[in-house]
Amino acid sequence: MKYPIIGFIWKHKYINIIIFIIIFIISFVLAFFGFPKEYTSYLSILPPAQNLTAGLASKFGALGRVAGLDLGNLSSQSPEIYMAILNSRKLKEKLLDTEFTFPTKGKTRKENLIRFFKIEGKSDLEINEKALKKLSDEVVHTSINQVDQILTLSVTTENNILSSLVANKMLDLLNEIVINDVQKEYRQKLNYIENRIDEIQDSLKYAENELKKFLESNINPTAPSFQIQQLRLKRDLELQTGLFIEFRKQLEIFIADNMINMSEVKILDRAEPAYRKSRPKRILLFITFFSLLVFIHLAINYSFLLFKGLKKELTNIETKII
């Protein structure tokens, strides 16, 4: 026979049929009952509309240099920054400390993710590290659509309600970190500009008063000394006026440019409970297990066939020797 393995299997067809039935049952049980159902909730975040003020900032970008002020690179929100914060240790540790209330199997549970995942370890530090790793590897995933720059956050757990709660909590933590951190930097720069404006305004008032006193105290406006001193006082007044105008312009530009940084994270879709499992893919698992076990079974049959052929060959050699 061209394929002796087929003849071997057919010769022992009854036992092979029984084994194939057993393989089918094992594959079915493993695929449909061996893995828990998992549910994924999705949340979409819109990119900040940074271009709305970019034109204004670039148009008047030289005003700061004219006024002797260099603000450097201003903080800005972006999908990449959002993604970095969502994947940061700071946010995930806050997430692990949060207790969630959610229904499961007819009961209401209130626990944090460490207890829900049943993470164990020799110390609190080890437990925390295992929980962070599980969040990064299995639970939380982020991606950015390069066309429209929409950031998608997905959270996968064995409870559909919990998945949505975790995703929305991560959004709240993201918004809290973005607002607090950016607002702190914004406030520092804004205070600097406002303080400089106050100082210049005081100098401007002083220059105005000095010029007024000088004009009131002199009765001979045609005298050369009078005209020279008047020019000096006017020049000082004009300088302070120019600085005041430029700093006020820079203040308006700064506020307009940072309206985005002070805004909250813009949400396209909040996370909702998923009512269809996202994994495991039962049919794919069944095909995989069944194919693997069938391959192992065929390999065992082929091994028996080789062993039987080798045994027969050894018997023939012994017969010839005798």
Protein backbone atom coordinates (compact mmCIF):
# COMPACT_ATOMS: atom_id res chain seq x y z
CA MET A 1 0.00 0.00 0.00
CA LYS A 2 1.22 3.47 -0.89
CA TYR A 3 0.32 4.88 2.53
CA PRO A 4 0.77 2.11 5.09
CA ILE A 5 -0.37 4.39 7.94
CA ILE A 6 -3.90 4.44 6.45
CA GLY A 7 -3.94 0.66 6.29
CA PHE A 8 -2.70 0.47 9.86
CA ILE A 9 -5.45 2.82 11.10
CA TRP A 10 -8.10 0.93 9.10
CA LYS A 11 -6.88 -2.36 10.51
CA HIS A 12 -7.44 -1.01 14.01
CA LYS A 13 -10.46 1.05 13.04
CA TYR A 14 -12.63 0.25 16.04
CA ILE A 15 -10.13 1.38 18.64
CA ASN A 16 -9.28 4.43 16.50
CA ILE A 17 -12.95 5.39 16.24
CA ILE A 18 -13.24 5.21 20.01
CA ILE A 19 -10.10 7.34 20.41
CA PHE A 20 -11.40 9.92 17.88
CA ILE A 21 -14.66 10.15 19.85
CA ILE A 22 -12.68 10.68 23.04
CA ILE A 23 -10.56 13.35 21.31
CA PHE A 24 -13.73 15.12 20.12
CA ILE A 25 -15.20 15.10 23.64
CA ILE A 26 -11.97 16.33 25.25
CA SER A 27 -11.60 19.12 22.68
CA PHE A 28 -15.23 20.17 23.15
CA VAL A 29 -14.94 20.25 26.96
CA LEU A 30 -11.67 22.19 26.89
CA ALA A 31 -12.92 24.74 24.36
CA PHE A 32 -16.38 25.36 25.77
CA PHE A 33 -15.88 24.79 29.49
CA GLY A 34 -12.15 25.03 30.15
CA PHE A 35 -11.82 28.81 29.86
CA PRO A 36 -13.90 31.51 31.58
CA LYS A 37 -15.83 34.05 29.54
CA GLU A 38 -14.27 37.50 29.27
CA TYR A 39 -15.96 40.76 28.35
CA THR A 40 -14.38 43.87 26.85
CA SER A 41 -15.66 47.42 27.24
CA TYR A 42 -14.43 50.18 24.95
CA LEU A 43 -14.03 53.90 25.53
CA SER A 44 -13.12 56.50 22.89
CA ILE A 45 -11.36 59.81 23.56
CA LEU A 46 -11.34 62.67 21.07
CA PRO A 47 -8.08 64.51 20.36
CA PRO A 48 -7.84 68.11 21.65
CA ALA A 49 -8.62 70.77 19.02
CA GLN A 50 -5.14 72.28 19.27
CA ASN A 51 -5.23 73.86 15.82
CA LEU A 52 -7.91 76.31 16.93
CA THR A 53 -5.35 78.48 18.70
CA ALA A 54 -2.18 77.46 16.89
CA GLY A 55 -2.64 80.18 14.27
CA LEU A 56 -3.12 82.88 16.85
CA ALA A 57 -0.06 81.81 18.83
CA SER A 58 2.19 81.67 15.76
CA LYS A 59 0.93 85.00 14.42
CA PHE A 60 1.86 86.83 17.58
CA GLY A 61 4.77 84.62 18.57
CA ALA A 62 7.26 87.48 18.23
CA LEU A 63 5.45 89.66 20.73
CA GLY A 64 6.93 87.79 23.66
CA ARG A 65 10.47 88.33 22.37
CA VAL A 66 9.76 92.03 21.73
CA ALA A 67 8.60 92.34 25.32
CA GLY A 68 11.60 90.41 26.63
CA LEU A 69 9.59 87.28 27.51
CA ASP A 70 10.29 83.73 26.36
CA LEU A 71 7.64 81.24 27.47
CA GLY A 72 9.33 78.22 25.93
CA ASN A 73 7.24 75.23 24.90
CA LEU A 74 3.81 75.30 26.45
CA SER A 75 2.21 72.16 27.77
CA SER A 76 -0.37 70.65 25.50
CA GLN A 77 -2.72 67.74 25.54
CA SER A 78 -2.43 65.07 22.87
CA PRO A 79 -3.57 61.46 22.30
CA GLU A 80 0.02 60.33 22.87
CA ILE A 81 0.10 62.05 26.28
CA TYR A 82 -3.28 60.52 27.14
CA MET A 83 -1.99 57.06 26.21
CA ALA A 84 1.17 57.51 28.28
CA ILE A 85 -0.88 58.56 31.32
CA LEU A 86 -3.35 55.67 30.92
CA ASN A 87 -0.42 53.21 30.84
CA SER A 88 1.46 54.91 33.65
CA ARG A 89 2.18 53.26 36.98
CA LYS A 90 0.72 56.26 38.84
CA LEU A 91 -2.71 55.85 37.28
CA LYS A 92 -2.77 52.06 37.57
CA GLU A 93 -1.82 52.12 41.24
CA LYS A 94 -4.72 54.51 41.89
CA LEU A 95 -6.93 52.13 39.93
CA LEU A 96 -5.86 49.17 42.09
CA ASP A 97 -6.80 51.12 45.24
CA THR A 98 -10.32 51.76 43.94
CA GLU A 99 -13.19 49.59 45.16
CA PHE A 100 -15.85 48.74 42.58
CA THR A 101 -19.44 47.70 43.27
CA PHE A 102 -20.88 45.37 40.63
CA PRO A 103 -23.42 42.53 40.37
CA THR A 104 -22.31 38.95 39.72
CA LYS A 105 -24.22 35.67 39.95
CA GLY A 106 -27.22 37.33 41.55
CA LYS A 107 -25.14 39.02 44.25
CA THR A 108 -23.51 42.42 44.65
CA ARG A 109 -19.77 42.44 45.16
CA LYS A 110 -17.65 45.33 46.41
CA GLU A 111 -13.93 44.80 46.03
CA ASN A 112 -10.81 46.09 44.37
CA LEU A 113 -9.14 44.50 41.35
CA ILE A 114 -6.51 42.66 43.39
CA ARG A 115 -9.20 40.69 45.23
CA PHE A 116 -11.23 40.21 42.06
CA PHE A 117 -8.23 38.77 40.19
CA LYS A 118 -7.36 36.63 43.24
CA ILE A 119 -3.74 37.69 43.10
CA GLU A 120 -1.54 36.16 45.76
CA GLY A 121 2.05 36.74 46.81
CA LYS A 122 4.51 36.59 49.65
CA SER A 123 4.31 40.34 50.31
CA ASP A 124 2.17 43.35 49.48
CA LEU A 125 4.87 44.55 47.10
CA GLU A 126 4.85 41.28 45.18
CA ILE A 127 1.05 41.27 45.01
CA ASN A 128 1.03 44.85 43.75
CA GLU A 129 3.63 44.10 41.06
CA LYS A 130 1.69 41.04 39.86
CA ALA A 131 -1.50 43.11 39.70
CA LEU A 132 0.22 45.86 37.69
CA LYS A 133 1.62 43.27 35.28
CA LYS A 134 -1.80 41.68 34.81
CA LEU A 135 -3.35 45.07 34.10
CA SER A 136 -0.68 45.85 31.48
CA ASP A 137 -0.59 42.43 29.81
CA GLU A 138 -4.19 41.19 29.94
CA VAL A 139 -6.70 43.78 31.11
CA VAL A 140 -5.94 47.27 29.75
CA HIS A 141 -5.10 48.03 26.13
CA THR A 142 -4.83 51.40 24.35
CA SER A 143 -4.50 52.32 20.70
CA ILE A 144 -4.57 55.46 18.55
CA ASN A 145 -6.21 55.70 15.14
CA GLN A 146 -3.55 57.40 13.04
CA VAL A 147 -6.16 58.87 10.66
CA ASP A 148 -8.42 60.74 13.08
CA GLN A 149 -6.21 60.55 16.21
CA ILE A 150 -9.02 59.04 18.30
CA LEU A 151 -7.69 57.15 21.30
CA THR A 152 -9.42 53.87 22.18
CA LEU A 153 -9.19 52.33 25.64
CA SER A 154 -10.32 48.72 26.13
CA VAL A 155 -10.71 46.88 29.43
CA THR A 156 -11.25 43.11 29.60
CA THR A 157 -12.40 41.20 32.69
CA GLU A 158 -14.62 38.23 33.50
CA ASN A 159 -17.48 40.57 34.50
CA ASN A 160 -19.06 42.82 31.88
CA ILE A 161 -20.20 45.46 34.40
CA LEU A 162 -16.79 45.60 36.02
CA SER A 163 -15.09 46.10 32.64
CA SER A 164 -17.11 49.24 31.98
CA LEU A 165 -16.62 50.53 35.55
CA VAL A 166 -12.84 50.12 35.30
CA ALA A 167 -12.70 51.85 31.91
CA ASN A 168 -14.75 54.83 33.10
CA LYS A 169 -12.71 55.06 36.32
CA MET A 170 -9.53 55.19 34.24
CA LEU A 171 -11.07 58.06 32.29
CA ASP A 172 -11.80 59.93 35.52
CA LEU A 173 -8.24 59.39 36.74
CA LEU A 174 -6.86 60.52 33.38
CA ASN A 175 -8.92 63.71 33.50
CA GLU A 176 -7.84 64.37 37.08
CA ILE A 177 -4.13 63.98 36.27
CA VAL A 178 -4.33 66.04 33.07
CA ILE A 179 -6.21 68.93 34.67
CA ASN A 180 -4.17 69.06 37.87
CA ASP A 181 -0.72 68.75 36.32
CA VAL A 182 -1.32 71.04 33.35
CA GLN A 183 -3.18 73.59 35.44
CA LYS A 184 -0.27 73.75 37.89
CA GLU A 185 2.20 74.61 35.12
CA TYR A 186 -0.28 76.96 33.50
CA ARG A 187 -0.83 78.81 36.77
CA GLN A 188 2.89 79.28 37.36
CA LYS A 189 3.41 80.86 33.94
CA LEU A 190 0.25 82.93 34.21
CA ASN A 191 1.31 84.26 37.62
CA TYR A 192 4.67 85.28 36.20
CA ILE A 193 3.06 87.27 33.38
CA GLU A 194 0.52 88.89 35.70
CA ASN A 195 3.24 89.88 38.19
CA ARG A 196 5.31 91.45 35.42
CA ILE A 197 2.25 93.40 34.25
CA ASP A 198 1.69 94.67 37.82
CA GLU A 199 5.34 95.76 38.07
CA ILE A 200 5.23 97.52 34.71
CA GLN A 201 1.93 99.19 35.60
CA ASP A 202 3.48 100.59 38.80
CA SER A 203 6.47 101.85 36.81
CA LEU A 204 4.09 103.38 34.27
CA LYS A 205 2.18 105.26 36.96
CA TYR A 206 5.43 106.47 38.48
CA ALA A 207 6.63 107.74 35.08
CA GLU A 208 3.31 109.54 34.53
CA ASN A 209 3.49 111.22 37.94
CA GLU A 210 7.11 112.27 37.41
CA LEU A 211 6.25 113.89 34.09
CA LYS A 212 3.22 115.59 35.59
CA LYS A 213 5.23 117.01 38.52
CA PHE A 214 7.96 118.23 36.18
CA LEU A 215 5.51 120.02 33.88
CA GLU A 216 3.74 121.64 36.84
CA SER A 217 6.94 122.81 38.51
CA ASN A 218 8.52 124.55 35.48
CA ILE A 219 7.29 127.90 34.17
CA ASN A 220 9.74 128.30 31.30
CA PRO A 221 8.95 125.61 28.68
CA THR A 222 11.35 127.20 26.17
CA ALA A 223 14.47 126.64 28.28
CA PRO A 224 16.85 123.98 26.84
CA SER A 225 17.19 122.19 30.21
CA PHE A 226 13.41 121.99 30.47
CA GLN A 227 13.06 120.48 26.99
CA ILE A 228 15.85 117.91 27.54
CA GLN A 229 14.39 116.74 30.85
CA GLN A 230 10.93 116.61 29.32
CA LEU A 231 12.23 114.37 26.51
CA ARG A 232 13.83 112.02 29.06
CA LEU A 233 10.64 111.73 31.08
CA LYS A 234 8.51 111.21 27.97
CA ARG A 235 10.93 108.54 26.69
CA ASP A 236 10.67 106.66 29.97
CA LEU A 237 6.89 106.95 29.87
CA GLU A 238 6.75 105.65 26.29
CA LEU A 239 9.02 102.70 27.18
CA GLN A 240 6.84 101.65 30.10
CA THR A 241 3.71 102.12 27.97
CA GLY A 242 5.17 99.90 25.21
CA LEU A 243 6.12 97.17 27.69
CA PHE A 244 2.68 97.32 29.28
CA ILE A 245 0.93 96.95 25.89
CA GLU A 246 3.17 94.06 24.78
CA PHE A 247 2.77 92.15 28.03
CA ARG A 248 -0.99 92.58 27.92
CA LYS A 249 -0.98 91.17 24.37
CA GLN A 250 1.20 88.27 25.51
CA LEU A 251 -1.21 87.59 28.37
CA GLU A 252 -4.14 87.36 25.96
CA ILE A 253 -2.17 85.05 23.66
CA PHE A 254 -1.14 82.86 26.58
CA ILE A 255 -4.71 82.53 27.84
CA ALA A 256 -6.04 81.74 24.35
CA ASP A 257 -3.29 79.18 23.71
CA ASN A 258 -3.91 77.44 27.03
CA MET A 259 -7.68 77.24 26.89
CA ILE A 260 -7.16 73.74 25.48
CA ASN A 261 -4.77 72.76 28.26
CA MET A 262 -7.31 73.83 30.85
CA SER A 263 -10.14 71.91 29.25
CA GLU A 264 -11.26 68.47 30.33
CA VAL A 265 -10.62 65.34 28.32
CA LYS A 266 -13.17 65.15 25.51
CA ILE A 267 -15.11 61.89 25.34
CA LEU A 268 -16.56 60.41 22.18
CA ASP A 269 -18.04 57.29 23.81
CA ARG A 270 -18.03 56.31 27.46
CA ALA A 271 -17.63 52.63 28.31
CA GLU A 272 -20.82 50.56 28.43
CA PRO A 273 -21.23 46.98 29.74
CA ALA A 274 -20.59 44.40 27.04
CA TYR A 275 -23.35 41.80 26.70
CA ARG A 276 -21.42 39.53 24.35
CA LYS A 277 -18.18 37.93 25.38
CA SER A 278 -15.05 39.02 23.57
CA ARG A 279 -13.06 35.89 24.29
CA PRO A 280 -12.31 33.05 24.27
CA LYS A 281 -13.20 32.20 20.68
CA ARG A 282 -14.79 28.80 21.35
CA ILE A 283 -14.88 27.48 17.78
CA LEU A 284 -11.28 28.47 17.15
CA LEU A 285 -10.19 26.83 20.39
CA PHE A 286 -12.14 23.67 19.55
CA ILE A 287 -10.55 23.41 16.10
CA THR A 288 -7.10 24.02 17.60
CA PHE A 289 -7.44 21.42 20.35
CA PHE A 290 -9.07 18.86 18.06
CA SER A 291 -6.39 19.29 15.37
CA LEU A 292 -3.59 19.04 17.92
CA LEU A 293 -4.97 15.88 19.55
CA VAL A 294 -5.65 14.26 16.16
CA PHE A 295 -2.08 15.02 15.12
CA ILE A 296 -0.77 13.45 18.34
CA HIS A 297 -2.98 10.42 17.78
CA LEU A 298 -1.70 10.00 14.21
CA ALA A 299 1.86 10.33 15.45
CA ILE A 300 1.23 7.59 18.00
CA ASN A 301 -0.25 5.35 15.28
CA TYR A 302 2.75 6.00 13.07
CA SER A 303 5.08 5.19 15.95
CA PHE A 304 3.31 1.88 16.51
CA LEU A 305 3.55 1.18 12.78
CA LEU A 306 7.30 1.82 12.80
CA PHE A 307 7.74 -0.23 15.94
CA LYS A 308 5.79 -3.11 14.43
CA GLY A 309 7.85 -2.93 11.22
CA LEU A 310 11.09 -2.83 13.18
CA LYS A 311 10.00 -5.78 15.31
CA LYS A 312 9.07 -7.78 12.21
CA GLU A 313 12.44 -6.96 10.61
CA LEU A 314 14.32 -8.11 13.73
CA THR A 315 12.31 -11.35 13.77
CA ASN A 316 13.25 -12.04 10.14
CA ILE A 317 16.94 -11.40 10.88
CA GLU A 318 16.83 -13.82 13.82
CA THR A 319 15.10 -16.45 11.65
CA LYS A 320 17.82 -16.14 8.96
CA ILE A 321 20.58 -16.48 11.57
CA ILE A 322 19.03 -19.64 13.00
